[in-house]
Amino acid sequence: MDRLSETFAALADPTRRAILARLTAGETSVTELAQPFAMSLPAVSKHLKVLEKAGLVTRGREAQWRPVRLDAGPLKDADAWLEPYRRLWESRFDRLEAFLAETMAAEAEAGKKPAPGAATAKPEKSPKPAKSKTTAARKRRTRSPR
């Protein structure tokens, strides 16, 4: 697998992205990296091996301490690969914004719609029918925690 593919494969896992986010604050040990995660040290080490293989982290050895450091090189390569797509979408959004501005101006001139920012009276909404207590209770039971 090429380096760019390894980078994106490593970034596909939310735990590995969280590890990289923690490493933006500076180097740290595997034990410190593992603290916020509900997983064992060996599981965190496996994630670090994937990140290391992709070149996103390096592990050092300083006496008894084995620091893990972020290496932003592969992220820079991924960013360079994404840049043409970013420019494409930004250009499309700019054209859409210009089109919408022209359309709104034309509608305002035609009197179909007030100019943006003009005060308008909003129509009153009809009140919603009251829900039964059993429907509300059923929704609370089926709602999953996030």
N, C-alpha and C. Protein backbone atom coordinates (compact mmCIF):
# COMPACT_ATOMS: atom_id res chain seq x y z
N MET A 1 0.86 -1.17 0.00
CA MET A 1 0.00 0.00 0.00
C MET A 1 0.90 1.24 0.00
N ASP A 2 0.54 2.23 -0.80
CA ASP A 2 1.34 3.45 -0.87
C ASP A 2 1.13 4.29 0.40
N ARG A 3 2.02 5.24 0.60
CA ARG A 3 2.02 6.04 1.84
C ARG A 3 0.73 6.83 2.03
N LEU A 4 0.21 7.41 0.95
CA LEU A 4 -1.02 8.19 1.06
C LEU A 4 -2.18 7.30 1.47
N SER A 5 -2.26 6.11 0.89
CA SER A 5 -3.33 5.17 1.26
C SER A 5 -3.20 4.73 2.71
N GLU A 6 -1.96 4.50 3.16
CA GLU A 6 -1.74 4.14 4.56
C GLU A 6 -2.15 5.27 5.49
N THR A 7 -1.89 6.50 5.07
CA THR A 7 -2.28 7.67 5.88
C THR A 7 -3.79 7.73 6.03
N PHE A 8 -4.51 7.62 4.91
CA PHE A 8 -5.97 7.68 4.98
C PHE A 8 -6.55 6.48 5.72
N ALA A 9 -5.94 5.31 5.56
CA ALA A 9 -6.42 4.13 6.29
C ALA A 9 -6.23 4.32 7.79
N ALA A 10 -5.09 4.90 8.18
CA ALA A 10 -4.84 5.15 9.61
C ALA A 10 -5.81 6.19 10.16
N LEU A 11 -6.13 7.20 9.35
CA LEU A 11 -7.04 8.26 9.79
C LEU A 11 -8.50 7.83 9.79
N ALA A 12 -8.79 6.67 9.21
CA ALA A 12 -10.18 6.21 9.12
C ALA A 12 -10.74 5.81 10.48
N ASP A 13 -9.89 5.54 11.45
CA ASP A 13 -10.35 5.10 12.77
C ASP A 13 -10.46 6.29 13.72
N PRO A 14 -11.60 6.47 14.38
CA PRO A 14 -11.78 7.62 15.27
C PRO A 14 -10.83 7.60 16.47
N THR A 15 -10.47 6.42 16.97
CA THR A 15 -9.53 6.36 18.10
C THR A 15 -8.16 6.87 17.67
N ARG A 16 -7.72 6.48 16.48
CA ARG A 16 -6.42 6.96 16.01
C ARG A 16 -6.44 8.46 15.75
N ARG A 17 -7.55 8.98 15.25
CA ARG A 17 -7.64 10.44 15.09
C ARG A 17 -7.59 11.14 16.44
N ALA A 18 -8.22 10.56 17.44
CA ALA A 18 -8.19 11.14 18.79
C ALA A 18 -6.78 11.10 19.35
N ILE A 19 -6.06 10.03 19.09
CA ILE A 19 -4.66 9.93 19.54
C ILE A 19 -3.84 11.03 18.89
N LEU A 20 -4.01 11.22 17.59
CA LEU A 20 -3.27 12.28 16.89
C LEU A 20 -3.63 13.65 17.45
N ALA A 21 -4.90 13.85 17.75
CA ALA A 21 -5.32 15.14 18.31
C ALA A 21 -4.63 15.39 19.65
N ARG A 22 -4.51 14.35 20.46
CA ARG A 22 -3.82 14.51 21.75
C ARG A 22 -2.36 14.82 21.56
N LEU A 23 -1.75 14.24 20.52
CA LEU A 23 -0.33 14.46 20.28
C LEU A 23 -0.02 15.85 19.73
N THR A 24 -1.02 16.59 19.31
CA THR A 24 -0.77 17.97 18.85
C THR A 24 -0.30 18.85 20.01
N ALA A 25 -0.61 18.43 21.23
CA ALA A 25 -0.17 19.19 22.41
C ALA A 25 1.29 18.88 22.76
N GLY A 26 1.88 17.87 22.14
CA GLY A 26 3.26 17.52 22.41
C GLY A 26 3.42 16.03 22.66
N GLU A 27 4.67 15.62 22.75
CA GLU A 27 4.96 14.20 22.95
C GLU A 27 4.46 13.73 24.31
N THR A 28 4.15 12.45 24.38
CA THR A 28 3.65 11.87 25.62
C THR A 28 3.91 10.37 25.60
N SER A 29 3.66 9.71 26.70
CA SER A 29 3.88 8.26 26.80
C SER A 29 2.62 7.52 26.38
N VAL A 30 2.78 6.23 26.10
CA VAL A 30 1.64 5.39 25.73
C VAL A 30 0.64 5.36 26.87
N THR A 31 1.13 5.28 28.09
CA THR A 31 0.24 5.24 29.26
C THR A 31 -0.62 6.49 29.34
N GLU A 32 0.00 7.66 29.13
CA GLU A 32 -0.77 8.91 29.16
C GLU A 32 -1.75 8.99 28.00
N LEU A 33 -1.34 8.47 26.83
CA LEU A 33 -2.24 8.48 25.67
C LEU A 33 -3.46 7.59 25.91
N ALA A 34 -3.27 6.49 26.63
CA ALA A 34 -4.33 5.51 26.83
C ALA A 34 -5.37 5.96 27.86
N GLN A 35 -5.04 6.91 28.73
CA GLN A 35 -5.92 7.29 29.84
C GLN A 35 -7.36 7.62 29.45
N PRO A 36 -7.61 8.43 28.43
CA PRO A 36 -9.02 8.78 28.17
C PRO A 36 -9.80 7.69 27.43
N PHE A 37 -9.14 6.63 27.00
CA PHE A 37 -9.81 5.61 26.21
C PHE A 37 -10.16 4.40 27.08
N ALA A 38 -11.31 3.82 26.80
CA ALA A 38 -11.75 2.63 27.54
C ALA A 38 -11.19 1.40 26.84
N MET A 39 -9.85 1.29 26.85
CA MET A 39 -9.20 0.14 26.23
C MET A 39 -7.87 -0.12 26.92
N SER A 40 -7.36 -1.30 26.71
CA SER A 40 -6.12 -1.71 27.36
C SER A 40 -4.91 -1.04 26.70
N LEU A 41 -3.78 -1.08 27.40
CA LEU A 41 -2.54 -0.54 26.83
C LEU A 41 -2.15 -1.29 25.56
N PRO A 42 -2.28 -2.64 25.51
CA PRO A 42 -1.95 -3.33 24.26
C PRO A 42 -2.83 -2.88 23.09
N ALA A 43 -4.09 -2.56 23.35
CA ALA A 43 -4.98 -2.09 22.28
C ALA A 43 -4.51 -0.72 21.77
N VAL A 44 -4.12 0.15 22.69
CA VAL A 44 -3.61 1.47 22.29
C VAL A 44 -2.31 1.29 21.51
N SER A 45 -1.48 0.35 21.94
CA SER A 45 -0.22 0.08 21.24
C SER A 45 -0.47 -0.38 19.81
N LYS A 46 -1.52 -1.17 19.62
CA LYS A 46 -1.85 -1.61 18.25
C LYS A 46 -2.23 -0.42 17.38
N HIS A 47 -2.99 0.49 17.94
CA HIS A 47 -3.35 1.70 17.20
C HIS A 47 -2.09 2.50 16.87
N LEU A 48 -1.18 2.59 17.83
CA LEU A 48 0.06 3.33 17.60
C LEU A 48 0.91 2.67 16.51
N LYS A 49 0.89 1.35 16.43
CA LYS A 49 1.65 0.65 15.38
C LYS A 49 1.10 1.00 14.00
N VAL A 50 -0.22 1.10 13.89
CA VAL A 50 -0.83 1.50 12.61
C VAL A 50 -0.41 2.93 12.27
N LEU A 51 -0.47 3.81 13.25
CA LEU A 51 -0.07 5.21 13.03
C LEU A 51 1.41 5.30 12.69
N GLU A 52 2.22 4.48 13.33
CA GLU A 52 3.66 4.48 13.08
C GLU A 52 3.96 3.95 11.68
N LYS A 53 3.26 2.90 11.28
CA LYS A 53 3.46 2.34 9.94
C LYS A 53 3.10 3.37 8.86
N ALA A 54 2.09 4.18 9.13
CA ALA A 54 1.68 5.23 8.19
C ALA A 54 2.61 6.44 8.27
N GLY A 55 3.52 6.45 9.24
CA GLY A 55 4.46 7.55 9.38
C GLY A 55 3.90 8.75 10.13
N LEU A 56 2.74 8.57 10.76
CA LEU A 56 2.09 9.68 11.45
C LEU A 56 2.64 9.92 12.85
N VAL A 57 3.25 8.91 13.46
CA VAL A 57 3.87 9.07 14.77
C VAL A 57 5.23 8.38 14.76
N THR A 58 6.08 8.83 15.66
CA THR A 58 7.36 8.16 15.91
C THR A 58 7.43 7.88 17.39
N ARG A 59 8.09 6.78 17.72
CA ARG A 59 8.27 6.43 19.13
C ARG A 59 9.76 6.48 19.43
N GLY A 60 10.07 7.17 20.50
CA GLY A 60 11.46 7.33 20.90
C GLY A 60 11.79 6.45 22.09
N ARG A 61 13.01 6.56 22.52
CA ARG A 61 13.46 5.81 23.69
C ARG A 61 14.43 6.70 24.44
N GLU A 62 13.97 7.20 25.57
CA GLU A 62 14.81 8.05 26.42
C GLU A 62 14.84 7.44 27.81
N ALA A 63 15.87 6.65 28.08
CA ALA A 63 16.00 5.91 29.35
C ALA A 63 14.76 5.04 29.55
N GLN A 64 14.01 5.25 30.63
CA GLN A 64 12.83 4.45 30.91
C GLN A 64 11.58 4.98 30.23
N TRP A 65 11.67 6.17 29.68
CA TRP A 65 10.50 6.82 29.07
C TRP A 65 10.52 6.59 27.56
N ARG A 66 9.40 6.21 26.99
CA ARG A 66 9.29 5.97 25.55
C ARG A 66 8.24 6.94 24.97
N PRO A 67 8.70 8.15 24.64
CA PRO A 67 7.75 9.16 24.16
C PRO A 67 7.21 8.85 22.76
N VAL A 68 5.97 9.24 22.55
CA VAL A 68 5.33 9.14 21.23
C VAL A 68 5.18 10.57 20.72
N ARG A 69 5.61 10.78 19.46
CA ARG A 69 5.57 12.12 18.88
C ARG A 69 4.77 12.11 17.58
N LEU A 70 4.11 13.20 17.31
CA LEU A 70 3.38 13.38 16.06
C LEU A 70 4.37 13.72 14.95
N ASP A 71 4.21 13.11 13.79
CA ASP A 71 5.00 13.47 12.61
C ASP A 71 4.01 13.95 11.56
N ALA A 72 4.02 15.23 11.28
CA ALA A 72 3.00 15.83 10.41
C ALA A 72 3.28 15.66 8.93
N GLY A 73 4.39 15.06 8.55
CA GLY A 73 4.73 14.90 7.13
C GLY A 73 3.63 14.23 6.31
N PRO A 74 3.14 13.05 6.73
CA PRO A 74 2.07 12.41 5.96
C PRO A 74 0.78 13.22 5.91
N LEU A 75 0.51 14.00 6.96
CA LEU A 75 -0.67 14.86 6.95
C LEU A 75 -0.52 15.96 5.90
N LYS A 76 0.71 16.45 5.77
CA LYS A 76 0.98 17.48 4.76
C LYS A 76 0.78 16.89 3.36
N ASP A 77 1.22 15.64 3.16
CA ASP A 77 1.02 14.97 1.87
C ASP A 77 -0.47 14.79 1.58
N ALA A 78 -1.24 14.38 2.60
CA ALA A 78 -2.69 14.19 2.44
C ALA A 78 -3.35 15.53 2.12
N ASP A 79 -2.91 16.59 2.80
CA ASP A 79 -3.46 17.92 2.56
C ASP A 79 -3.16 18.37 1.13
N ALA A 80 -1.94 18.09 0.65
CA ALA A 80 -1.57 18.46 -0.73
C ALA A 80 -2.43 17.69 -1.73
N TRP A 81 -2.75 16.44 -1.43
CA TRP A 81 -3.60 15.64 -2.32
C TRP A 81 -5.02 16.19 -2.33
N LEU A 82 -5.50 16.66 -1.17
CA LEU A 82 -6.87 17.18 -1.06
C LEU A 82 -7.02 18.59 -1.62
N GLU A 83 -5.94 19.35 -1.73
CA GLU A 83 -6.00 20.76 -2.11
C GLU A 83 -6.75 21.02 -3.42
N PRO A 84 -6.49 20.28 -4.51
CA PRO A 84 -7.25 20.56 -5.75
C PRO A 84 -8.76 20.40 -5.55
N TYR A 85 -9.16 19.43 -4.73
CA TYR A 85 -10.59 19.21 -4.47
C TYR A 85 -11.16 20.36 -3.62
N ARG A 86 -10.36 20.85 -2.69
CA ARG A 86 -10.79 21.98 -1.87
C ARG A 86 -11.01 23.21 -2.76
N ARG A 87 -10.06 23.47 -3.66
CA ARG A 87 -10.20 24.61 -4.57
C ARG A 87 -11.42 24.45 -5.46
N LEU A 88 -11.67 23.24 -5.96
CA LEU A 88 -12.83 22.97 -6.80
C LEU A 88 -14.12 23.30 -6.06
N TRP A 89 -14.26 22.80 -4.82
CA TRP A 89 -15.50 23.03 -4.08
C TRP A 89 -15.64 24.47 -3.64
N GLU A 90 -14.54 25.12 -3.28
CA GLU A 90 -14.63 26.53 -2.92
C GLU A 90 -15.08 27.37 -4.11
N SER A 91 -14.58 27.03 -5.29
CA SER A 91 -14.99 27.75 -6.50
C SER A 91 -16.47 27.51 -6.79
N ARG A 92 -16.94 26.29 -6.59
CA ARG A 92 -18.36 25.98 -6.81
C ARG A 92 -19.24 26.74 -5.81
N PHE A 93 -18.79 26.80 -4.56
CA PHE A 93 -19.57 27.53 -3.56
C PHE A 93 -19.57 29.03 -3.85
N ASP A 94 -18.45 29.56 -4.34
CA ASP A 94 -18.40 30.97 -4.71
C ASP A 94 -19.39 31.26 -5.84
N ARG A 95 -19.43 30.37 -6.84
CA ARG A 95 -20.37 30.56 -7.95
C ARG A 95 -21.82 30.46 -7.46
N LEU A 96 -22.08 29.51 -6.57
CA LEU A 96 -23.43 29.37 -6.01
C LEU A 96 -23.82 30.62 -5.24
N GLU A 97 -22.89 31.15 -4.44
CA GLU A 97 -23.17 32.36 -3.67
C GLU A 97 -23.48 33.54 -4.60
N ALA A 98 -22.72 33.67 -5.68
CA ALA A 98 -22.97 34.75 -6.64
C ALA A 98 -24.33 34.57 -7.31
N PHE A 99 -24.65 33.34 -7.68
CA PHE A 99 -25.94 33.05 -8.31
C PHE A 99 -27.09 33.41 -7.37
N LEU A 100 -26.98 33.00 -6.12
CA LEU A 100 -28.04 33.29 -5.15
C LEU A 100 -28.19 34.79 -4.91
N ALA A 101 -27.09 35.50 -4.85
CA ALA A 101 -27.15 36.95 -4.66
C ALA A 101 -27.85 37.61 -5.84
N GLU A 102 -27.51 37.17 -7.07
CA GLU A 102 -28.16 37.73 -8.27
C GLU A 102 -29.65 37.40 -8.28
N THR A 103 -29.98 36.17 -7.92
CA THR A 103 -31.39 35.75 -7.91
C THR A 103 -32.18 36.55 -6.89
N MET A 104 -31.63 36.73 -5.70
CA MET A 104 -32.33 37.49 -4.66
C MET A 104 -32.50 38.95 -5.08
N ALA A 105 -31.49 39.51 -5.72
CA ALA A 105 -31.59 40.90 -6.17
C ALA A 105 -32.66 41.03 -7.25
N ALA A 106 -32.70 40.07 -8.16
CA ALA A 106 -33.70 40.10 -9.23
C ALA A 106 -35.10 39.96 -8.66
N GLU A 107 -35.28 39.09 -7.69
CA GLU A 107 -36.59 38.91 -7.06
C GLU A 107 -37.00 40.15 -6.28
N ALA A 108 -36.05 40.78 -5.63
CA ALA A 108 -36.35 42.01 -4.87
C ALA A 108 -36.79 43.12 -5.83
N GLU A 109 -36.13 43.20 -6.97
CA GLU A 109 -36.50 44.22 -7.96
C GLU A 109 -37.88 43.95 -8.52
N ALA A 110 -38.19 42.69 -8.73
CA ALA A 110 -39.48 42.33 -9.31
C ALA A 110 -40.61 42.43 -8.29
N GLY A 111 -40.26 42.64 -7.04
CA GLY A 111 -41.27 42.77 -6.00
C GLY A 111 -41.81 41.45 -5.50
N LYS A 112 -41.20 40.39 -5.89
CA LYS A 112 -41.65 39.08 -5.44
C LYS A 112 -41.25 38.81 -3.99
N LYS A 113 -40.13 39.36 -3.63
CA LYS A 113 -39.59 39.06 -2.30
C LYS A 113 -38.89 40.30 -1.79
N PRO A 114 -39.04 40.60 -0.52
CA PRO A 114 -38.34 41.79 0.01
C PRO A 114 -36.83 41.57 -0.01
N ALA A 115 -36.12 42.68 -0.08
CA ALA A 115 -34.66 42.62 -0.08
C ALA A 115 -34.17 41.99 1.21
N PRO A 116 -33.02 41.32 1.15
CA PRO A 116 -32.48 40.70 2.37
C PRO A 116 -32.30 41.72 3.48
N GLY A 117 -32.71 41.37 4.68
CA GLY A 117 -32.57 42.24 5.82
C GLY A 117 -33.76 43.15 6.05
N ALA A 118 -34.70 43.19 5.10
CA ALA A 118 -35.87 44.05 5.26
C ALA A 118 -36.82 43.43 6.29
N ALA A 119 -37.51 44.28 7.03
CA ALA A 119 -38.43 43.78 8.06
C ALA A 119 -39.66 43.21 7.37
N THR A 120 -40.05 42.04 7.80
CA THR A 120 -41.25 41.41 7.25
C THR A 120 -42.05 40.83 8.39
N ALA A 121 -43.36 40.75 8.17
CA ALA A 121 -44.23 40.13 9.17
C ALA A 121 -44.30 38.65 8.83
N LYS A 122 -44.03 37.83 9.82
CA LYS A 122 -44.09 36.38 9.60
C LYS A 122 -45.51 35.91 9.88
N PRO A 123 -46.01 35.01 9.04
CA PRO A 123 -47.34 34.48 9.29
C PRO A 123 -47.33 33.65 10.57
N GLU A 124 -48.46 33.71 11.28
CA GLU A 124 -48.55 32.94 12.51
C GLU A 124 -48.74 31.48 12.17
N LYS A 125 -48.08 30.63 12.93
CA LYS A 125 -48.22 29.19 12.75
C LYS A 125 -49.38 28.71 13.60
N SER A 126 -50.09 27.72 13.07
CA SER A 126 -51.17 27.15 13.87
C SER A 126 -50.57 26.28 14.96
N PRO A 127 -51.19 26.24 16.12
CA PRO A 127 -50.63 25.46 17.22
C PRO A 127 -50.65 23.98 16.87
N LYS A 128 -49.61 23.27 17.35
CA LYS A 128 -49.52 21.83 17.12
C LYS A 128 -50.47 21.13 18.07
N PRO A 129 -51.07 20.03 17.60
CA PRO A 129 -51.95 19.29 18.51
C PRO A 129 -51.14 18.67 19.64
N ALA A 130 -51.75 18.60 20.81
CA ALA A 130 -51.05 18.04 21.97
C ALA A 130 -50.84 16.55 21.76
N LYS A 131 -49.66 16.09 22.16
CA LYS A 131 -49.35 14.66 22.05
C LYS A 131 -49.89 13.95 23.27
N SER A 132 -50.28 12.72 23.04
CA SER A 132 -50.77 11.94 24.17
C SER A 132 -49.60 11.55 25.06
N LYS A 133 -49.88 11.29 26.31
CA LYS A 133 -48.82 10.92 27.26
C LYS A 133 -48.18 9.61 26.86
N THR A 134 -48.93 8.69 26.29
CA THR A 134 -48.35 7.39 25.92
C THR A 134 -47.40 7.54 24.74
N THR A 135 -47.68 8.43 23.79
CA THR A 135 -46.78 8.65 22.66
C THR A 135 -45.48 9.25 23.14
N ALA A 136 -45.54 10.23 24.04
CA ALA A 136 -44.32 10.85 24.57
C ALA A 136 -43.51 9.83 25.35
N ALA A 137 -44.14 9.00 26.15
CA ALA A 137 -43.43 7.98 26.93
C ALA A 137 -42.78 6.96 26.01
N ARG A 138 -43.46 6.57 24.93
CA ARG A 138 -42.91 5.61 23.99
C ARG A 138 -41.67 6.18 23.32
N LYS A 139 -41.70 7.46 22.94
CA LYS A 139 -40.54 8.09 22.32
C LYS A 139 -39.36 8.16 23.26
N ARG A 140 -39.62 8.41 24.55
CA ARG A 140 -38.53 8.46 25.52
C ARG A 140 -37.87 7.09 25.66
N ARG A 141 -38.67 6.03 25.64
CA ARG A 141 -38.13 4.69 25.79
C ARG A 141 -37.31 4.26 24.58
N THR A 142 -37.72 4.68 23.39
CA THR A 142 -37.04 4.24 22.17
C THR A 142 -35.87 5.12 21.80
N ARG A 143 -35.75 6.26 22.42
CA ARG A 143 -34.65 7.17 22.11
C ARG A 143 -33.35 6.57 22.62
N SER A 144 -32.35 6.47 21.73
CA SER A 144 -31.07 5.89 22.16
C SER A 144 -30.16 6.99 22.68
N PRO A 145 -29.36 6.69 23.71
CA PRO A 145 -28.43 7.70 24.25
C PRO A 145 -27.30 7.93 23.26
N ARG A 146 -26.79 9.15 23.25
CA ARG A 146 -25.70 9.47 22.32
C ARG A 146 -24.42 9.58 23.05
